[in-house]
Amino acid sequence: MNIEFDAELWLWDARNDSSWYFVTVPPGPSEDIREFPRPSRGFGSVKVRVEIGGSRWETSIFPDTSSGCFVLPIKKSVRQAEGLDVGNPTRVRLSTWD
């Protein structure tokens, strides 16, 4: 399954010792991912391949119970390479795999 969307980078800093940066997969694509048959994984995560600008990597997306959508963590190396900061909109390409 291939998905492309625009989303803003946001910061989750609920822990004092570290900060995590994410983009939220929009509701429609999140629902498509949820309904796509795949093996069961911890925390409801889904393995994905990601492309933002010239950066490509493999990671997992996780369900967010507060929004009902999946969230994608954005690594520091990607944020730096793509010049991303909190509030910056970015084009994301995801493909699911197992």
Protein backbone atom coordinates (compact mmCIF):
# COMPACT_ATOMS: atom_id res chain seq x y z
CA MET A 1 0.00 0.00 0.00
CA ASN A 2 1.42 3.40 -1.02
CA ILE A 3 0.25 6.63 0.61
CA GLU A 4 1.27 10.23 0.04
CA PHE A 5 0.19 13.16 2.21
CA ASP A 6 1.17 16.56 3.61
CA ALA A 7 1.52 16.97 7.38
CA GLU A 8 3.09 19.32 9.92
CA LEU A 9 5.94 18.25 12.15
CA TRP A 10 5.03 18.33 15.85
CA LEU A 11 6.85 17.76 19.11
CA TRP A 12 5.84 15.31 21.83
CA ASP A 13 7.82 16.11 24.94
CA ALA A 14 5.89 14.34 27.66
CA ARG A 15 9.11 12.99 29.12
CA ASN A 16 11.67 15.31 30.66
CA ASP A 17 14.62 13.31 29.38
CA SER A 18 13.91 13.31 25.63
CA SER A 19 11.85 14.83 22.86
CA TRP A 20 10.15 12.97 20.04
CA TYR A 21 9.10 14.52 16.73
CA PHE A 22 6.22 13.17 14.66
CA VAL A 23 3.88 13.79 11.77
CA THR A 24 0.32 12.51 11.94
CA VAL A 25 -1.01 10.34 9.12
CA PRO A 26 -4.37 11.90 8.10
CA PRO A 27 -7.65 10.13 9.05
CA GLY A 28 -8.43 8.66 5.59
CA PRO A 29 -5.03 7.03 5.04
CA SER A 30 -4.92 5.95 8.70
CA GLU A 31 -8.22 4.12 8.22
CA ASP A 32 -6.90 2.47 5.01
CA ILE A 33 -3.80 1.30 6.90
CA ARG A 34 -5.92 0.00 9.79
CA GLU A 35 -8.09 -2.06 7.42
CA PHE A 36 -5.19 -3.43 5.34
CA PRO A 37 -4.51 -7.08 6.29
CA ARG A 38 -1.14 -7.54 7.98
CA PRO A 39 0.48 -9.61 10.72
CA SER A 40 -0.18 -8.49 14.30
CA ARG A 41 2.66 -6.38 15.77
CA GLY A 42 3.40 -4.86 19.16
CA PHE A 43 1.45 -1.74 20.15
CA GLY A 44 -0.53 -1.97 16.89
CA SER A 45 2.50 -0.73 14.96
CA VAL A 46 2.86 -1.06 11.20
CA LYS A 47 6.21 -1.36 9.43
CA VAL A 48 6.66 1.27 6.71
CA ARG A 49 9.16 2.63 4.25
CA VAL A 50 9.23 6.42 4.33
CA GLU A 51 10.37 9.11 1.93
CA ILE A 52 10.57 12.80 2.82
CA GLY A 53 12.45 14.91 0.29
CA GLY A 54 15.69 13.06 -0.45
CA SER A 55 15.60 11.06 2.79
CA ARG A 56 14.46 7.43 2.79
CA TRP A 57 14.29 5.00 5.70
CA GLU A 58 12.35 2.12 7.26
CA THR A 59 10.52 2.45 10.58
CA SER A 60 7.13 1.80 12.16
CA ILE A 61 4.06 3.98 12.58
CA PHE A 62 1.99 3.75 15.74
CA PRO A 63 -1.72 4.27 16.48
CA ASP A 64 -2.53 7.40 18.47
CA THR A 65 -5.63 6.82 20.57
CA SER A 66 -6.29 10.54 21.06
CA SER A 67 -6.57 11.30 17.33
CA GLY A 68 -7.53 7.88 15.98
CA CYS A 69 -4.72 8.24 13.44
CA PHE A 70 -1.25 6.77 13.08
CA VAL A 71 1.82 8.81 13.96
CA LEU A 72 5.20 8.63 12.24
CA PRO A 73 8.37 9.39 14.22
CA ILE A 74 10.83 11.63 12.36
CA LYS A 75 14.49 11.00 13.13
CA LYS A 76 16.86 13.85 13.94
CA SER A 77 19.03 13.04 10.91
CA VAL A 78 15.98 13.43 8.63
CA ARG A 79 14.86 16.67 10.31
CA GLN A 80 18.36 18.09 9.82
CA ALA A 81 18.79 16.83 6.24
CA GLU A 82 15.38 18.19 5.17
CA GLY A 83 15.49 21.40 7.24
CA LEU A 84 12.35 20.50 9.21
CA ASP A 85 11.24 22.16 12.42
CA VAL A 86 8.04 22.08 14.48
CA GLY A 87 5.12 23.42 12.45
CA ASN A 88 6.83 22.89 9.09
CA PRO A 89 4.55 21.22 6.57
CA THR A 90 6.19 18.34 4.76
CA ARG A 91 5.30 15.91 1.97
CA VAL A 92 5.43 12.29 3.19
CA ARG A 93 5.38 9.11 1.13
CA LEU A 94 4.71 5.84 2.98
CA SER A 95 4.60 2.28 1.77
CA THR A 96 3.56 -0.52 4.11
CA TRP A 97 5.40 -3.82 4.16
CA ASP A 98 5.90 -6.87 6.34
